[in-house]
Amino acid sequence: MKKMFLFLVLISAVSFNLEAQSESAFDAGEWFKFEMSYSGFFKAGYATIEVKDNNYKGTPVYHIIGKGWTTGPIKWFFKVEDRYETFIDKERYLPYKFIRKIDEGGHIKNIEIEFDQSQRLAHVHNKKKNAQKTLATKPDVQDMVSTFYYLRNKLDIKGLKKNDEVLIDMFFDEENYAFKLKYLGEDVIETEFGKVATLKFRPYVMAGRVFKEEESLTLWVSNDKNKLPLRVQADLAVGSLRADLLAFKGLIHPFNIIMD
């Protein structure tokens, strides 16, 4: 269920810029847990994502680990165990290494990608097929997990206008991908923690086997310094999938709840 992790991809602008925030939106120790539901009735599974301190070839990095798994009745006929990892630079928020290890109902992938950002190259190691190749990338390329953390610190929220769009160069598996995100405006949603003021986005996806159309995915993040991912709603080719933030820890900024 690759779609379980598309909320991590929050993530040439039409009319706004990417600028560094004066304060970081996250730090090591941050942890999220999400609950997945299918078509509003069935619990589909859970996902977690956490940020750790680490070193990559002598360079201090953020090591971000995402996991997803099915539970309940869905697990009986479609078992999922997914793991995604990225190692990103602490200043530029660019990835050095990306790991995708998944088992989705017997569909298995085990891929590691090392990025040479200076040479604009991706060294891809497909461990399942025992194959390696080197491919050219775009400048300052992101992976599907690092994109979200990059945008949390680089997106100029004050410059956003409704329907503005931003493009991010992403590399996924063995190809370059132009990731596009549209800003839909401000919203207030009811969450596990109470009412929260949010920013609403539409990450564009590929229509076809999984999604009904390009605009099938909607994402809400907290309208504060955390840019906390609160909800993702996906209209699928069959049914719908929703991910809601269930628990968190390690925030470095206050989380604002609207009091009635």
C-alpha atoms as a PDB file:
ATOM      1  CA  MET A   1       0.000   0.000   0.000  1.00  0.00           C
ATOM      2  CA  LYS A   2       2.333   2.676  -1.296  1.00  0.00           C
ATOM      3  CA  LYS A   3      -0.554   5.128  -0.862  1.00  0.00           C
ATOM      4  CA  MET A   4      -0.189   4.748   2.913  1.00  0.00           C
ATOM      5  CA  PHE A   5       2.958   6.864   2.705  1.00  0.00           C
ATOM      6  CA  LEU A   6       1.925   9.446   0.131  1.00  0.00           C
ATOM      7  CA  PHE A   7       1.099  11.843   2.967  1.00  0.00           C
ATOM      8  CA  LEU A   8       4.832  12.020   3.537  1.00  0.00           C
ATOM      9  CA  VAL A   9       5.203  13.706   0.247  1.00  0.00           C
ATOM     10  CA  LEU A  10       3.655  16.896   1.181  1.00  0.00           C
ATOM     11  CA  ILE A  11       4.877  17.729   0.141  1.00  0.00           C
ATOM     12  CA  SER A  12       8.900  26.443 -10.209  1.00  0.00           C
ATOM     13  CA  ALA A  13       6.310  28.081  -7.848  1.00  0.00           C
ATOM     14  CA  VAL A  14       3.540  29.925  -9.684  1.00  0.00           C
ATOM     15  CA  SER A  15       3.542  32.980  -7.431  1.00  0.00           C
ATOM     16  CA  PHE A  16       5.348  32.226  -4.184  1.00  0.00           C
ATOM     17  CA  ASN A  17       8.866  31.324  -3.108  1.00  0.00           C
ATOM     18  CA  LEU A  18      10.591  28.673  -1.047  1.00  0.00           C
ATOM     19  CA  GLU A  19      12.431  30.411   1.761  1.00  0.00           C
ATOM     20  CA  ALA A  20      13.945  29.069   4.971  1.00  0.00           C
ATOM     21  CA  GLN A  21      11.916  29.677   8.120  1.00  0.00           C
ATOM     22  CA  SER A  22      13.664  31.602  10.871  1.00  0.00           C
ATOM     23  CA  GLU A  23      13.133  28.571  13.120  1.00  0.00           C
ATOM     24  CA  SER A  24      13.200  24.892  12.245  1.00  0.00           C
ATOM     25  CA  ALA A  25       9.835  23.133  12.218  1.00  0.00           C
ATOM     26  CA  PHE A  26      11.242  19.902  13.666  1.00  0.00           C
ATOM     27  CA  ASP A  27      14.198  18.256  15.377  1.00  0.00           C
ATOM     28  CA  ALA A  28      15.431  14.840  16.459  1.00  0.00           C
ATOM     29  CA  GLY A  29      12.962  13.175  18.824  1.00  0.00           C
ATOM     30  CA  GLU A  30       9.851  14.048  16.845  1.00  0.00           C
ATOM     31  CA  TRP A  31       7.482  11.085  16.391  1.00  0.00           C
ATOM     32  CA  PHE A  32       4.061  10.684  14.774  1.00  0.00           C
ATOM     33  CA  LYS A  33       1.567   7.834  14.710  1.00  0.00           C
ATOM     34  CA  PHE A  34      -1.299   7.693  12.187  1.00  0.00           C
ATOM     35  CA  GLU A  35      -4.392   5.532  12.002  1.00  0.00           C
ATOM     36  CA  MET A  36      -5.598   4.445   8.553  1.00  0.00           C
ATOM     37  CA  SER A  37      -9.249   3.793   7.748  1.00  0.00           C
ATOM     38  CA  TYR A  38     -10.748   2.455   4.523  1.00  0.00           C
ATOM     39  CA  SER A  39     -13.955   3.989   3.124  1.00  0.00           C
ATOM     40  CA  GLY A  40     -14.696   5.512   6.536  1.00  0.00           C
ATOM     41  CA  PHE A  41     -15.616   2.200   8.170  1.00  0.00           C
ATOM     42  CA  PHE A  42     -12.723  -0.241   8.414  1.00  0.00           C
ATOM     43  CA  LYS A  43      -9.456   0.229  10.210  1.00  0.00           C
ATOM     44  CA  ALA A  44      -6.816  -0.421   7.578  1.00  0.00           C
ATOM     45  CA  GLY A  45      -3.642  -0.099   9.616  1.00  0.00           C
ATOM     46  CA  TYR A  46      -1.163   2.242  11.241  1.00  0.00           C
ATOM     47  CA  ALA A  47       1.884   4.244  10.248  1.00  0.00           C
ATOM     48  CA  THR A  48       4.639   5.884  12.273  1.00  0.00           C
ATOM     49  CA  ILE A  49       7.405   8.285  11.348  1.00  0.00           C
ATOM     50  CA  GLU A  50      10.218   9.481  13.591  1.00  0.00           C
ATOM     51  CA  VAL A  51      13.276  11.723  13.394  1.00  0.00           C
ATOM     52  CA  LYS A  52      16.618  10.658  14.881  1.00  0.00           C
ATOM     53  CA  ASP A  53      20.134  12.096  14.981  1.00  0.00           C
ATOM     54  CA  ASN A  54      22.687  10.099  13.021  1.00  0.00           C
ATOM     55  CA  ASN A  55      25.855  10.339  10.940  1.00  0.00           C
ATOM     56  CA  TYR A  56      26.197   9.544   7.244  1.00  0.00           C
ATOM     57  CA  LYS A  57      29.787   9.104   6.086  1.00  0.00           C
ATOM     58  CA  GLY A  58      30.956  11.458   8.813  1.00  0.00           C
ATOM     59  CA  THR A  59      28.276  14.110   8.222  1.00  0.00           C
ATOM     60  CA  PRO A  60      25.634  14.813  10.921  1.00  0.00           C
ATOM     61  CA  VAL A  61      22.201  14.065   9.480  1.00  0.00           C
ATOM     62  CA  TYR A  62      18.571  13.618  10.389  1.00  0.00           C
ATOM     63  CA  HIS A  63      17.668   9.947  10.039  1.00  0.00           C
ATOM     64  CA  ILE A  64      13.937   9.720   9.348  1.00  0.00           C
ATOM     65  CA  ILE A  65      12.210   6.343   9.585  1.00  0.00           C
ATOM     66  CA  GLY A  66       8.678   5.632   8.392  1.00  0.00           C
ATOM     67  CA  LYS A  67       6.815   2.362   8.961  1.00  0.00           C
ATOM     68  CA  GLY A  68       3.382   1.177   7.866  1.00  0.00           C
ATOM     69  CA  TRP A  69       1.408  -2.006   8.485  1.00  0.00           C
ATOM     70  CA  THR A  70      -2.095  -3.362   8.033  1.00  0.00           C
ATOM     71  CA  THR A  71      -4.250  -4.562  10.901  1.00  0.00           C
ATOM     72  CA  GLY A  72      -7.651  -6.123  11.564  1.00  0.00           C
ATOM     73  CA  PRO A  73      -9.657  -7.930   8.844  1.00  0.00           C
ATOM     74  CA  ILE A  74      -7.696  -6.326   5.990  1.00  0.00           C
ATOM     75  CA  LYS A  75      -4.525  -7.982   7.273  1.00  0.00           C
ATOM     76  CA  TRP A  76      -6.113 -11.403   6.779  1.00  0.00           C
ATOM     77  CA  PHE A  77      -6.165 -11.073   2.993  1.00  0.00           C
ATOM     78  CA  PHE A  78      -3.684  -8.265   2.318  1.00  0.00           C
ATOM     79  CA  LYS A  79      -0.768  -8.056   4.740  1.00  0.00           C
ATOM     80  CA  VAL A  80       1.452  -4.978   4.504  1.00  0.00           C
ATOM     81  CA  GLU A  81       4.798  -4.290   6.146  1.00  0.00           C
ATOM     82  CA  ASP A  82       6.482  -1.158   4.773  1.00  0.00           C
ATOM     83  CA  ARG A  83       9.636   0.630   5.871  1.00  0.00           C
ATOM     84  CA  TYR A  84      11.015   3.857   4.428  1.00  0.00           C
ATOM     85  CA  GLU A  85      14.165   5.669   5.557  1.00  0.00           C
ATOM     86  CA  THR A  86      15.959   8.827   4.512  1.00  0.00           C
ATOM     87  CA  PHE A  87      19.160  10.490   5.691  1.00  0.00           C
ATOM     88  CA  ILE A  88      19.010  14.255   5.138  1.00  0.00           C
ATOM     89  CA  ASP A  89      21.449  17.115   5.578  1.00  0.00           C
ATOM     90  CA  LYS A  90      20.701  19.244   8.642  1.00  0.00           C
ATOM     91  CA  GLU A  91      21.215  22.567   6.893  1.00  0.00           C
ATOM     92  CA  ARG A  92      20.006  22.130   3.313  1.00  0.00           C
ATOM     93  CA  TYR A  93      17.479  19.339   4.039  1.00  0.00           C
ATOM     94  CA  LEU A  94      18.668  17.358   1.005  1.00  0.00           C
ATOM     95  CA  PRO A  95      18.796  13.545   1.088  1.00  0.00           C
ATOM     96  CA  TYR A  96      22.022  11.536   1.013  1.00  0.00           C
ATOM     97  CA  LYS A  97      20.418   8.100   1.153  1.00  0.00           C
ATOM     98  CA  PHE A  98      16.921   6.655   0.757  1.00  0.00           C
ATOM     99  CA  ILE A  99      15.713   3.148   1.631  1.00  0.00           C
ATOM    100  CA  ARG A 100      12.456   1.537   0.530  1.00  0.00           C
ATOM    101  CA  LYS A 101      11.770  -1.936   1.897  1.00  0.00           C
ATOM    102  CA  ILE A 102       8.190  -3.095   1.423  1.00  0.00           C
ATOM    103  CA  ASP A 103       6.051  -6.228   1.410  1.00  0.00           C
ATOM    104  CA  GLU A 104       2.542  -5.460   0.204  1.00  0.00           C
ATOM    105  CA  GLY A 105       0.507  -8.628  -0.171  1.00  0.00           C
ATOM    106  CA  GLY A 106       3.553 -10.429  -1.553  1.00  0.00           C
ATOM    107  CA  HIS A 107       4.650  -7.507  -3.733  1.00  0.00           C
ATOM    108  CA  ILE A 108       8.194  -7.017  -2.454  1.00  0.00           C
ATOM    109  CA  LYS A 109      10.693  -4.232  -3.081  1.00  0.00           C
ATOM    110  CA  ASN A 110      14.056  -3.653  -1.437  1.00  0.00           C
ATOM    111  CA  ILE A 111      15.765  -0.602  -2.902  1.00  0.00           C
ATOM    112  CA  GLU A 112      18.546   1.649  -1.595  1.00  0.00           C
ATOM    113  CA  ILE A 113      19.464   4.916  -3.293  1.00  0.00           C
ATOM    114  CA  GLU A 114      22.561   6.978  -2.540  1.00  0.00           C
ATOM    115  CA  PHE A 115      22.430  10.560  -3.807  1.00  0.00           C
ATOM    116  CA  ASP A 116      25.485  12.445  -5.005  1.00  0.00           C
ATOM    117  CA  GLN A 117      23.988  15.918  -4.829  1.00  0.00           C
ATOM    118  CA  SER A 118      27.115  17.668  -6.150  1.00  0.00           C
ATOM    119  CA  GLN A 119      27.305  15.434  -9.250  1.00  0.00           C
ATOM    120  CA  ARG A 120      23.507  15.157  -9.606  1.00  0.00           C
ATOM    121  CA  LEU A 121      23.552  11.377  -9.579  1.00  0.00           C
ATOM    122  CA  ALA A 122      21.501   8.628  -7.929  1.00  0.00           C
ATOM    123  CA  HIS A 123      23.198   5.287  -7.293  1.00  0.00           C
ATOM    124  CA  VAL A 124      20.355   2.756  -7.202  1.00  0.00           C
ATOM    125  CA  HIS A 125      20.809  -0.679  -5.644  1.00  0.00           C
ATOM    126  CA  ASN A 126      17.867  -3.010  -6.225  1.00  0.00           C
ATOM    127  CA  LYS A 127      18.630  -5.664  -3.613  1.00  0.00           C
ATOM    128  CA  LYS A 128      15.765  -7.929  -4.607  1.00  0.00           C
ATOM    129  CA  LYS A 129      17.023  -8.163  -8.205  1.00  0.00           C
ATOM    130  CA  ASN A 130      20.699  -7.862  -7.211  1.00  0.00           C
ATOM    131  CA  ALA A 131      21.053  -5.022  -9.740  1.00  0.00           C
ATOM    132  CA  GLN A 132      22.799  -1.661  -9.563  1.00  0.00           C
ATOM    133  CA  LYS A 133      22.684   1.384 -11.812  1.00  0.00           C
ATOM    134  CA  THR A 134      23.549   5.073 -11.741  1.00  0.00           C
ATOM    135  CA  LEU A 135      21.079   7.639 -13.058  1.00  0.00           C
ATOM    136  CA  ALA A 136      21.186  11.414 -13.535  1.00  0.00           C
ATOM    137  CA  THR A 137      19.001  13.563 -11.258  1.00  0.00           C
ATOM    138  CA  LYS A 138      17.807  17.142 -11.125  1.00  0.00           C
ATOM    139  CA  PRO A 139      19.685  19.691  -8.950  1.00  0.00           C
ATOM    140  CA  ASP A 140      18.825  19.473  -5.214  1.00  0.00           C
ATOM    141  CA  VAL A 141      16.637  16.438  -5.800  1.00  0.00           C
ATOM    142  CA  GLN A 142      14.436  15.082  -3.007  1.00  0.00           C
ATOM    143  CA  ASP A 143      13.092  11.623  -2.188  1.00  0.00           C
ATOM    144  CA  MET A 144       9.490  10.884  -1.237  1.00  0.00           C
ATOM    145  CA  VAL A 145      10.114  11.207   2.521  1.00  0.00           C
ATOM    146  CA  SER A 146      12.623  14.073   2.560  1.00  0.00           C
ATOM    147  CA  THR A 147      10.216  16.200   0.479  1.00  0.00           C
ATOM    148  CA  PHE A 148       7.840  16.656   3.399  1.00  0.00           C
ATOM    149  CA  TYR A 149      10.570  17.721   5.820  1.00  0.00           C
ATOM    150  CA  TYR A 150      12.117  20.013   3.230  1.00  0.00           C
ATOM    151  CA  LEU A 151       8.801  21.797   2.697  1.00  0.00           C
ATOM    152  CA  ARG A 152       8.143  22.113   6.421  1.00  0.00           C
ATOM    153  CA  ASN A 153      11.230  24.324   6.665  1.00  0.00           C
ATOM    154  CA  LYS A 154      11.393  25.898   3.219  1.00  0.00           C
ATOM    155  CA  LEU A 155       7.802  26.685   2.278  1.00  0.00           C
ATOM    156  CA  ASP A 156       7.072  30.413   2.590  1.00  0.00           C
ATOM    157  CA  ILE A 157       3.663  30.180   4.245  1.00  0.00           C
ATOM    158  CA  LYS A 158       3.209  33.959   4.476  1.00  0.00           C
ATOM    159  CA  GLY A 159       3.556  34.219   0.707  1.00  0.00           C
ATOM    160  CA  LEU A 160       0.909  31.603  -0.064  1.00  0.00           C
ATOM    161  CA  LYS A 161      -2.205  32.526  -1.994  1.00  0.00           C
ATOM    162  CA  LYS A 162      -5.103  30.192  -2.688  1.00  0.00           C
ATOM    163  CA  ASN A 163      -4.490  27.978  -5.744  1.00  0.00           C
ATOM    164  CA  ASP A 164      -0.752  28.734  -5.807  1.00  0.00           C
ATOM    165  CA  GLU A 165       1.350  25.745  -6.864  1.00  0.00           C
ATOM    166  CA  VAL A 166       4.895  24.610  -6.207  1.00  0.00           C
ATOM    167  CA  LEU A 167       7.025  22.044  -8.021  1.00  0.00           C
ATOM    168  CA  ILE A 168       9.656  19.882  -6.331  1.00  0.00           C
ATOM    169  CA  ASP A 169      12.113  17.649  -8.186  1.00  0.00           C
ATOM    170  CA  MET A 170      11.842  14.157  -6.686  1.00  0.00           C
ATOM    171  CA  PHE A 171      13.593  10.872  -7.446  1.00  0.00           C
ATOM    172  CA  PHE A 172      11.635   7.697  -6.704  1.00  0.00           C
ATOM    173  CA  ASP A 173      12.829   4.122  -7.312  1.00  0.00           C
ATOM    174  CA  GLU A 174      14.564   4.605 -10.672  1.00  0.00           C
ATOM    175  CA  GLU A 175      13.116   7.770 -12.159  1.00  0.00           C
ATOM    176  CA  ASN A 176      12.871  11.531 -11.798  1.00  0.00           C
ATOM    177  CA  TYR A 177       9.442  12.820 -10.877  1.00  0.00           C
ATOM    178  CA  ALA A 178       8.066  16.384 -10.907  1.00  0.00           C
ATOM    179  CA  PHE A 179       6.033  16.584  -7.705  1.00  0.00           C
ATOM    180  CA  LYS A 180       3.370  19.315  -7.755  1.00  0.00           C
ATOM    181  CA  LEU A 181       1.527  20.703  -4.740  1.00  0.00           C
ATOM    182  CA  LYS A 182      -1.431  23.113  -4.777  1.00  0.00           C
ATOM    183  CA  TYR A 183      -2.442  25.321  -1.819  1.00  0.00           C
ATOM    184  CA  LEU A 184      -6.210  25.201  -1.188  1.00  0.00           C
ATOM    185  CA  GLY A 185      -6.436  27.742   1.653  1.00  0.00           C
ATOM    186  CA  GLU A 186      -7.037  27.716   5.394  1.00  0.00           C
ATOM    187  CA  ASP A 187      -9.398  25.311   7.132  1.00  0.00           C
ATOM    188  CA  VAL A 188     -10.449  24.218  10.624  1.00  0.00           C
ATOM    189  CA  ILE A 189     -10.816  20.481  11.240  1.00  0.00           C
ATOM    190  CA  GLU A 190     -11.841  18.290  14.156  1.00  0.00           C
ATOM    191  CA  THR A 191      -8.978  16.023  15.205  1.00  0.00           C
ATOM    192  CA  GLU A 192      -8.159  13.526  17.950  1.00  0.00           C
ATOM    193  CA  PHE A 193      -6.875  16.497  19.966  1.00  0.00           C
ATOM    194  CA  GLY A 194      -9.689  18.999  19.311  1.00  0.00           C
ATOM    195  CA  LYS A 195     -10.311  21.640  16.661  1.00  0.00           C
ATOM    196  CA  VAL A 196      -7.172  22.768  14.863  1.00  0.00           C
ATOM    197  CA  ALA A 197      -6.512  25.597  12.400  1.00  0.00           C
ATOM    198  CA  THR A 198      -4.895  24.064   9.310  1.00  0.00           C
ATOM    199  CA  LEU A 199      -3.434  24.736   5.899  1.00  0.00           C
ATOM    200  CA  LYS A 200      -5.007  22.615   3.181  1.00  0.00           C
ATOM    201  CA  PHE A 201      -2.993  21.235   0.243  1.00  0.00           C
ATOM    202  CA  ARG A 202      -3.511  19.056  -2.819  1.00  0.00           C
ATOM    203  CA  PRO A 203      -0.509  16.931  -3.826  1.00  0.00           C
ATOM    204  CA  TYR A 204      -0.996  15.818  -7.417  1.00  0.00           C
ATOM    205  CA  VAL A 205      -0.767  12.067  -7.998  1.00  0.00           C
ATOM    206  CA  MET A 206      -0.809   9.740 -11.000  1.00  0.00           C
ATOM    207  CA  ALA A 207      -4.335   8.699 -11.984  1.00  0.00           C
ATOM    208  CA  GLY A 208      -4.836   5.048 -12.850  1.00  0.00           C
ATOM    209  CA  ARG A 209      -4.665   1.800 -10.923  1.00  0.00           C
ATOM    210  CA  VAL A 210      -4.630   3.363  -7.418  1.00  0.00           C
ATOM    211  CA  PHE A 211      -6.130   6.857  -7.651  1.00  0.00           C
ATOM    212  CA  LYS A 212      -9.286   8.015  -9.432  1.00  0.00           C
ATOM    213  CA  GLU A 213      -7.643  11.168 -10.816  1.00  0.00           C
ATOM    214  CA  GLU A 214      -4.675  13.516 -10.376  1.00  0.00           C
ATOM    215  CA  GLU A 215      -6.516  15.537  -7.721  1.00  0.00           C
ATOM    216  CA  SER A 216      -7.511  12.560  -5.573  1.00  0.00           C
ATOM    217  CA  LEU A 217      -5.316  13.429  -2.563  1.00  0.00           C
ATOM    218  CA  THR A 218      -5.945  16.139   0.057  1.00  0.00           C
ATOM    219  CA  LEU A 219      -3.678  16.951   2.991  1.00  0.00           C
ATOM    220  CA  TRP A 220      -4.131  19.125   6.097  1.00  0.00           C
ATOM    221  CA  VAL A 221      -1.193  20.435   8.186  1.00  0.00           C
ATOM    222  CA  SER A 222      -1.346  22.564  11.322  1.00  0.00           C
ATOM    223  CA  ASN A 223      -1.218  26.318  10.726  1.00  0.00           C
ATOM    224  CA  ASP A 224       1.591  26.903  13.209  1.00  0.00           C
ATOM    225  CA  LYS A 225       5.383  26.619  13.349  1.00  0.00           C
ATOM    226  CA  ASN A 226       5.247  22.795  13.538  1.00  0.00           C
ATOM    227  CA  LYS A 227       3.428  22.254  10.213  1.00  0.00           C
ATOM    228  CA  LEU A 228       2.114  19.090  11.835  1.00  0.00           C
ATOM    229  CA  PRO A 229       0.583  16.557   9.375  1.00  0.00           C
ATOM    230  CA  LEU A 230      -2.933  15.990  10.720  1.00  0.00           C
ATOM    231  CA  ARG A 231      -4.957  14.278   8.003  1.00  0.00           C
ATOM    232  CA  VAL A 232      -4.750  12.821   4.502  1.00  0.00           C
ATOM    233  CA  GLN A 233      -7.813  11.877   2.456  1.00  0.00           C
ATOM    234  CA  ALA A 234      -7.357   9.804  -0.707  1.00  0.00           C
ATOM    235  CA  ASP A 235     -10.066   8.931  -3.223  1.00  0.00           C
ATOM    236  CA  LEU A 236      -9.016   5.582  -4.649  1.00  0.00           C
ATOM    237  CA  ALA A 237     -10.058   3.726  -7.763  1.00  0.00           C
ATOM    238  CA  VAL A 238     -12.069   1.570  -5.338  1.00  0.00           C
ATOM    239  CA  GLY A 239     -13.197   3.247  -2.106  1.00  0.00           C
ATOM    240  CA  SER A 240     -11.239   5.814  -0.132  1.00  0.00           C
ATOM    241  CA  LEU A 241      -8.417   5.879   2.387  1.00  0.00           C
ATOM    242  CA  ARG A 242      -8.008   8.302   5.270  1.00  0.00           C
ATOM    243  CA  ALA A 243      -5.033   8.795   7.601  1.00  0.00           C
ATOM    244  CA  ASP A 244      -5.463  10.713  10.865  1.00  0.00           C
ATOM    245  CA  LEU A 245      -2.781  11.698  13.342  1.00  0.00           C
ATOM    246  CA  LEU A 246      -3.381   9.591  16.437  1.00  0.00           C
ATOM    247  CA  ALA A 247      -0.409  10.483  18.660  1.00  0.00           C
ATOM    248  CA  PHE A 248       2.759  12.547  18.637  1.00  0.00           C
ATOM    249  CA  LYS A 249       5.737  13.554  20.752  1.00  0.00           C
ATOM    250  CA  GLY A 250       8.889  15.633  20.494  1.00  0.00           C
ATOM    251  CA  LEU A 251       7.416  18.812  18.976  1.00  0.00           C
ATOM    252  CA  ILE A 252       9.672  21.847  19.341  1.00  0.00           C
ATOM    253  CA  HIS A 253       6.865  24.436  19.092  1.00  0.00           C
ATOM    254  CA  PRO A 254       3.495  24.773  20.870  1.00  0.00           C
ATOM    255  CA  PHE A 255       0.621  22.879  19.223  1.00  0.00           C
ATOM    256  CA  ASN A 256      -2.382  25.210  19.094  1.00  0.00           C
ATOM    257  CA  ILE A 257      -5.870  23.844  19.808  1.00  0.00           C
ATOM    258  CA  ILE A 258      -8.949  26.002  19.173  1.00  0.00           C
ATOM    259  CA  MET A 259     -11.016  26.270  22.339  1.00  0.00           C
ATOM    260  CA  ASP A 260     -14.788  26.488  21.891  1.00  0.00           C
END
